[in-house]
């Protein structure tokens, strides 16, 4: 393959790569893609046709894959997939009524994947197998640009701050998303057994509010409205005021790109540099996607390294 042929998805965010078949990549091809992803937090490849093994092989080029634990969240989901590294996102049902995957057709509010882990896998690779084209858009928020456009005084204020994060979060820190979350999707176990497994697997963690790419020096805001419970060393009122200020700034339309899906789309996004959300869509509209989540190479990408909240003595 020659040099990548690219096209901007918007002035705000995103790059489409036009001349790549992800099922047939040389080592040189992959290095070109990795370099492009390092520059652009959101990449799109259209008209792809991948087997599960091909999707996994491509994903592993970037790093070790996370093993998903959807069985904790959906007791009636199919949890006997051949590949635990593949997360099925779907509103489809098997003939016996079991769910093919998670997230169904409801709204999914702004969030960052896996921020509730101390060592989150931050690279998401999403393959749209059957996607409604005129509904169920996914929007992405550029947290690099959000950080870059903060006032200098606010940058200095948050540089050393850390946020506390939890997966099953019934009291999100942000007052802005309470109404949104009431109507949107949360990870909510359907049994006491599932809830216990979730809590044991995902204790509260603490992460830096600002991440830095060691290779480029680029900084980004790192937060997740649906998962943040507090800011270390701050009372709740002060933490909420600061968090909402950051969130309002980040979610300005100048930072956001909304993607209309087509069958065969493969989208790569870097959770260290992006927030994302999904619009709801009609339950009778079929949707099937497969996602892998990659532990990105810290030589090239900003990678969060958190600690358990209990280990932070000054946590409020």
Protein backbone atom coordinates (compact mmCIF):
# COMPACT_ATOMS: atom_id res chain seq x y z
CA UNK A 1 0.00 0.00 0.00
CA UNK A 2 1.18 3.51 -0.73
CA UNK A 3 0.92 6.38 1.74
CA UNK A 4 -2.41 6.62 3.56
CA UNK A 5 -5.07 8.58 1.73
CA UNK A 6 -7.05 10.52 4.33
CA UNK A 7 -10.03 12.82 4.52
CA UNK A 8 -11.22 14.90 7.47
CA UNK A 9 -14.53 13.87 9.00
CA UNK A 10 -15.12 17.39 10.33
CA UNK A 11 -13.24 20.53 11.26
CA UNK A 12 -13.51 19.47 14.90
CA UNK A 13 -12.38 15.89 14.95
CA UNK A 14 -11.85 12.68 13.03
CA UNK A 15 -9.99 11.32 10.03
CA UNK A 16 -11.22 8.81 7.47
CA UNK A 17 -8.63 6.52 5.87
CA UNK A 18 -9.71 5.72 2.33
CA UNK A 19 -7.27 3.15 0.96
CA UNK A 20 -7.02 0.39 3.56
CA UNK A 21 -8.36 -3.15 3.80
CA UNK A 22 -7.99 -4.04 7.48
CA UNK A 23 -8.11 -7.76 6.65
CA UNK A 24 -4.93 -7.50 4.56
CA UNK A 25 -2.30 -5.33 6.20
CA UNK A 26 1.47 -5.44 6.02
CA UNK A 27 3.62 -4.41 8.97
CA UNK A 28 4.31 -1.15 7.16
CA UNK A 29 0.58 -0.56 6.69
CA UNK A 30 -0.05 -1.06 10.39
CA UNK A 31 2.71 1.34 11.38
CA UNK A 32 1.15 3.99 9.16
CA UNK A 33 -2.22 3.46 10.86
CA UNK A 34 -0.69 3.53 14.34
CA UNK A 35 1.08 6.78 13.51
CA UNK A 36 -2.17 8.27 12.19
CA UNK A 37 -4.05 7.21 15.34
CA UNK A 38 -1.36 8.82 17.45
CA UNK A 39 -2.06 12.10 15.63
CA UNK A 40 -5.86 11.76 15.39
CA UNK A 41 -7.88 10.31 18.30
CA UNK A 42 -10.68 9.18 15.97
CA UNK A 43 -10.17 7.13 12.79
CA UNK A 44 -12.78 5.76 10.38
CA UNK A 45 -12.44 2.93 7.86
CA UNK A 46 -15.50 2.32 5.68
CA UNK A 47 -16.63 -0.73 3.68
CA UNK A 48 -14.71 -3.25 5.77
CA UNK A 49 -15.60 -6.95 5.88
CA UNK A 50 -13.93 -8.69 8.81
CA UNK A 51 -14.25 -12.07 10.43
CA UNK A 52 -14.01 -12.13 14.20
CA UNK A 53 -10.49 -13.54 13.95
CA UNK A 54 -9.47 -10.75 11.57
CA UNK A 55 -10.88 -8.09 13.89
CA UNK A 56 -9.01 -9.62 16.81
CA UNK A 57 -5.76 -9.91 14.84
CA UNK A 58 -5.90 -6.26 13.78
CA UNK A 59 -6.72 -5.14 17.32
CA UNK A 60 -3.84 -7.12 18.85
CA UNK A 61 -1.38 -5.19 16.69
CA UNK A 62 -1.92 -2.24 19.04
CA UNK A 63 -1.55 -4.14 22.31
CA UNK A 64 -3.07 -6.70 24.67
CA UNK A 65 -6.86 -6.98 24.53
CA UNK A 66 -9.20 -6.54 27.46
CA UNK A 67 -11.53 -9.41 28.36
CA UNK A 68 -15.06 -8.12 28.73
CA UNK A 69 -17.29 -9.04 31.65
CA UNK A 70 -20.72 -8.38 30.20
CA UNK A 71 -22.17 -11.29 32.18
CA UNK A 72 -21.99 -9.11 35.30
CA UNK A 73 -24.30 -6.56 33.70
CA UNK A 74 -26.71 -8.67 31.65
CA UNK A 75 -27.76 -11.89 33.33
CA UNK A 76 -29.72 -13.00 30.27
CA UNK A 77 -27.06 -12.13 27.69
CA UNK A 78 -25.18 -14.75 25.73
CA UNK A 79 -22.00 -15.12 27.80
CA UNK A 80 -20.51 -18.09 25.98
CA UNK A 81 -18.87 -16.24 23.12
CA UNK A 82 -15.95 -17.93 21.46
CA UNK A 83 -13.80 -14.84 22.06
CA UNK A 84 -14.08 -13.09 25.46
CA UNK A 85 -12.09 -10.19 23.97
CA UNK A 86 -15.07 -9.35 21.72
CA UNK A 87 -17.89 -7.30 23.17
CA UNK A 88 -21.16 -7.64 21.27
CA UNK A 89 -23.27 -4.47 21.24
CA UNK A 90 -26.73 -5.20 19.94
CA UNK A 91 -30.48 -5.04 20.44
CA UNK A 92 -30.98 -8.40 18.70
CA UNK A 93 -32.29 -11.51 20.42
CA UNK A 94 -31.65 -15.19 19.92
CA UNK A 95 -34.67 -17.37 19.06
CA UNK A 96 -34.93 -18.41 22.72
CA UNK A 97 -35.15 -14.77 23.84
CA UNK A 98 -31.60 -14.32 25.12
CA UNK A 99 -29.81 -11.09 24.26
CA UNK A 100 -27.09 -11.23 21.64
CA UNK A 101 -25.22 -8.41 23.38
CA UNK A 102 -25.51 -5.35 25.56
CA UNK A 103 -26.67 -1.71 25.39
CA UNK A 104 -29.84 -2.57 23.42
CA UNK A 105 -31.42 0.51 21.80
CA UNK A 106 -31.36 3.04 24.66
CA UNK A 107 -29.40 6.25 24.87
CA UNK A 108 -25.85 5.91 26.18
CA UNK A 109 -24.74 9.10 27.93
CA UNK A 110 -21.35 10.80 27.65
CA UNK A 111 -18.61 8.58 29.06
CA UNK A 112 -15.08 7.26 28.70
CA UNK A 113 -14.72 3.49 28.35
CA UNK A 114 -13.24 1.65 31.33
CA UNK A 115 -12.16 4.73 33.31
CA UNK A 116 -13.45 2.86 36.36
CA UNK A 117 -10.44 0.50 36.07
CA UNK A 118 -7.10 1.36 37.66
CA UNK A 119 -5.31 0.31 34.45
CA UNK A 120 -7.94 0.89 31.76
CA UNK A 121 -7.62 -0.38 28.23
CA UNK A 122 -8.09 2.89 26.37
CA UNK A 123 -8.18 1.97 22.69
CA UNK A 124 -11.67 1.07 21.41
CA UNK A 125 -12.05 -0.60 18.01
CA UNK A 126 -15.69 -0.77 16.94
CA UNK A 127 -16.89 -2.78 13.93
CA UNK A 128 -20.41 -1.99 12.74
CA UNK A 129 -21.82 -5.18 11.23
CA UNK A 130 -25.45 -4.14 10.86
CA UNK A 131 -26.04 -0.49 11.65
CA UNK A 132 -29.08 1.77 11.17
CA UNK A 133 -27.90 4.65 8.99
CA UNK A 134 -30.32 7.40 9.95
CA UNK A 135 -30.56 6.89 13.71
CA UNK A 136 -28.45 5.84 16.68
CA UNK A 137 -25.61 8.24 15.93
CA UNK A 138 -22.47 8.14 18.08
CA UNK A 139 -20.98 11.50 19.04
CA UNK A 140 -17.37 12.07 20.06
CA UNK A 141 -15.94 14.96 22.07
CA UNK A 142 -12.34 16.05 21.51
CA UNK A 143 -10.81 16.28 24.98
CA UNK A 144 -7.44 17.40 23.60
CA UNK A 145 -9.02 20.49 22.10
CA UNK A 146 -11.11 20.92 25.25
CA UNK A 147 -7.92 21.08 27.33
CA UNK A 148 -6.08 23.31 24.85
CA UNK A 149 -8.86 25.92 24.93
CA UNK A 150 -9.12 26.13 28.72
CA UNK A 151 -8.07 29.43 30.33
CA UNK A 152 -4.47 29.32 31.55
CA UNK A 153 -5.51 29.70 35.18
CA UNK A 154 -7.87 26.74 34.99
CA UNK A 155 -5.21 24.59 33.33
CA UNK A 156 -2.87 25.35 36.21
CA UNK A 157 -5.58 24.62 38.78
CA UNK A 158 -6.39 21.14 37.47
CA UNK A 159 -2.88 20.03 36.47
CA UNK A 160 -2.31 17.94 39.61
CA UNK A 161 -5.93 17.08 40.46
CA UNK A 162 -7.31 13.56 40.55
CA UNK A 163 -10.87 12.30 40.17
CA UNK A 164 -12.51 9.31 41.83
CA UNK A 165 -14.35 6.93 39.49
CA UNK A 166 -16.74 4.02 39.96
CA UNK A 167 -18.55 1.82 37.46
CA UNK A 168 -21.89 1.42 39.22
CA UNK A 169 -22.32 5.06 40.19
CA UNK A 170 -25.75 6.04 41.51
CA UNK A 171 -24.61 9.53 42.55
CA UNK A 172 -22.62 11.05 39.66
CA UNK A 173 -20.66 14.14 40.58
CA UNK A 174 -21.97 16.25 37.70
CA UNK A 175 -25.30 17.94 38.27
CA UNK A 176 -25.61 18.43 34.51
CA UNK A 177 -26.18 14.78 33.69
CA UNK A 178 -28.62 13.73 36.41
CA UNK A 179 -31.66 14.11 34.20
CA UNK A 180 -29.78 12.66 31.24
CA UNK A 181 -28.65 9.63 33.22
CA UNK A 182 -32.16 8.99 34.53
CA UNK A 183 -33.27 8.44 30.95
CA UNK A 184 -30.06 6.98 29.58
CA UNK A 185 -28.09 3.79 29.97
CA UNK A 186 -26.13 2.85 33.06
CA UNK A 187 -24.33 -0.35 33.94
CA UNK A 188 -26.89 -1.71 36.34
CA UNK A 189 -26.79 -5.38 37.37
CA UNK A 190 -30.04 -7.29 37.24
CA UNK A 191 -29.39 -9.42 40.33
CA UNK A 192 -27.71 -9.23 43.74
CA UNK A 193 -25.15 -11.75 42.50
CA UNK A 194 -24.31 -9.54 39.53
CA UNK A 195 -24.06 -6.46 41.76
CA UNK A 196 -21.66 -8.20 44.14
CA UNK A 197 -19.49 -9.44 41.28
CA UNK A 198 -19.43 -5.94 39.80
CA UNK A 199 -18.37 -4.28 43.06
CA UNK A 200 -15.66 -6.86 43.69
CA UNK A 201 -14.33 -6.52 40.17
CA UNK A 202 -14.46 -2.73 39.99
CA UNK A 203 -13.64 -0.96 43.28
CA UNK A 204 -13.48 2.83 43.18
CA UNK A 205 -10.28 4.16 41.57
CA UNK A 206 -8.50 7.50 41.28
CA UNK A 207 -7.18 8.97 38.00
CA UNK A 208 -5.43 12.17 36.94
CA UNK A 209 -7.79 14.77 35.48
CA UNK A 210 -5.16 15.60 32.86
CA UNK A 211 -3.27 12.99 30.84
CA UNK A 212 -0.06 13.60 28.92
CA UNK A 213 1.22 11.70 25.90
CA UNK A 214 4.88 10.91 26.66
CA UNK A 215 5.82 10.87 22.97
CA UNK A 216 4.18 14.11 21.85
CA UNK A 217 3.64 16.08 25.06
CA UNK A 218 -0.02 16.49 24.10
CA UNK A 219 -2.41 16.89 27.05
CA UNK A 220 -6.08 15.98 27.33
CA UNK A 221 -8.86 16.19 29.89
CA UNK A 222 -9.62 12.75 31.28
CA UNK A 223 -13.03 12.48 32.88
CA UNK A 224 -16.28 10.57 32.56
CA UNK A 225 -19.52 12.24 33.72
CA UNK A 226 -21.30 8.95 34.29
CA UNK A 227 -18.51 7.46 36.40
CA UNK A 228 -16.96 10.32 38.39
CA UNK A 229 -17.89 10.42 42.08
CA UNK A 230 -15.59 13.15 43.39
CA UNK A 231 -12.28 15.00 43.18
CA UNK A 232 -9.54 14.13 45.64
CA UNK A 233 -9.04 16.78 48.32
CA UNK A 234 -12.20 18.76 47.50
CA UNK A 235 -15.59 18.86 49.19
CA UNK A 236 -18.52 17.77 47.04
CA UNK A 237 -19.90 21.25 46.33
CA UNK A 238 -16.53 22.60 45.20
CA UNK A 239 -15.78 19.45 43.21
CA UNK A 240 -19.16 19.59 41.49
CA UNK A 241 -18.71 23.24 40.55
CA UNK A 242 -15.28 22.57 39.05
CA UNK A 243 -16.36 19.39 37.27
CA UNK A 244 -19.40 21.06 35.72
CA UNK A 245 -17.24 23.97 34.56
CA UNK A 246 -14.90 21.54 32.80
CA UNK A 247 -17.77 19.55 31.33
CA UNK A 248 -19.64 22.58 29.99
CA UNK A 249 -16.43 23.76 28.36
CA UNK A 250 -15.60 20.34 26.90
CA UNK A 251 -19.06 19.70 25.44
CA UNK A 252 -19.15 22.85 23.36
CA UNK A 253 -20.27 22.04 19.82
CA UNK A 254 -16.88 23.12 18.46
CA UNK A 255 -15.36 20.03 20.13
CA UNK A 256 -17.91 17.47 18.91
CA UNK A 257 -18.28 15.24 15.85
CA UNK A 258 -21.39 13.07 15.38
CA UNK A 259 -21.01 9.91 13.32
CA UNK A 260 -23.74 8.40 11.18
CA UNK A 261 -23.03 4.72 10.85
CA UNK A 262 -22.97 2.54 7.77
CA UNK A 263 -22.62 -1.22 7.58
CA UNK A 264 -18.93 -2.12 7.46
CA UNK A 265 -17.68 0.93 9.36
CA UNK A 266 -14.70 0.36 11.62
CA UNK A 267 -14.04 3.23 14.02
CA UNK A 268 -10.99 3.52 16.25
CA UNK A 269 -11.19 5.92 19.17
CA UNK A 270 -8.77 6.74 21.96
CA UNK A 271 -10.56 7.02 25.31
CA UNK A 272 -7.65 8.97 26.75
CA UNK A 273 -8.54 11.78 24.32
CA UNK A 274 -12.29 11.42 23.70
CA UNK A 275 -15.67 11.24 25.36
CA UNK A 276 -18.48 9.55 23.44
CA UNK A 277 -22.23 8.99 23.62
CA UNK A 278 -24.94 7.25 21.59
CA UNK A 279 -28.41 8.41 20.59
CA UNK A 280 -31.35 6.12 21.27
CA UNK A 281 -33.04 4.42 18.33
CA UNK A 282 -36.24 2.45 17.70
CA UNK A 283 -36.22 -1.01 19.27
CA UNK A 284 -37.40 -2.64 16.04
CA UNK A 285 -34.34 -1.33 14.16
CA UNK A 286 -31.68 -4.09 14.12
CA UNK A 287 -28.18 -3.16 15.24
CA UNK A 288 -25.14 -5.37 15.70
CA UNK A 289 -21.57 -4.28 16.39
CA UNK A 290 -18.47 -5.97 17.74
CA UNK A 291 -15.92 -4.10 19.83
CA UNK A 292 -12.46 -4.84 21.11
CA UNK A 293 -10.68 -2.75 23.73
CA UNK A 294 -6.90 -2.46 23.64
CA UNK A 295 -4.27 -1.71 26.26
CA UNK A 296 -2.42 0.92 24.25
CA UNK A 297 1.37 1.12 24.07
CA UNK A 298 2.47 3.86 26.52
CA UNK A 299 5.43 4.69 24.29
CA UNK A 300 3.04 6.16 21.73
CA UNK A 301 -0.21 6.96 23.55
CA UNK A 302 -1.33 8.61 26.76
CA UNK A 303 -2.25 5.81 29.15
CA UNK A 304 -4.00 6.28 32.48
CA UNK A 305 -2.34 4.74 35.54
CA UNK A 306 -4.76 4.95 38.44
CA UNK A 307 -4.78 3.69 42.00
CA UNK A 308 -7.49 2.35 44.25
CA UNK A 309 -9.40 5.10 45.99
CA UNK A 310 -8.77 3.50 49.39
CA UNK A 311 -5.02 3.97 48.83
CA UNK A 312 -5.35 7.77 48.49
CA UNK A 313 -5.22 9.19 52.00
CA UNK A 314 -6.58 12.61 51.08
CA UNK A 315 -9.62 11.37 49.17
CA UNK A 316 -12.82 13.04 50.38
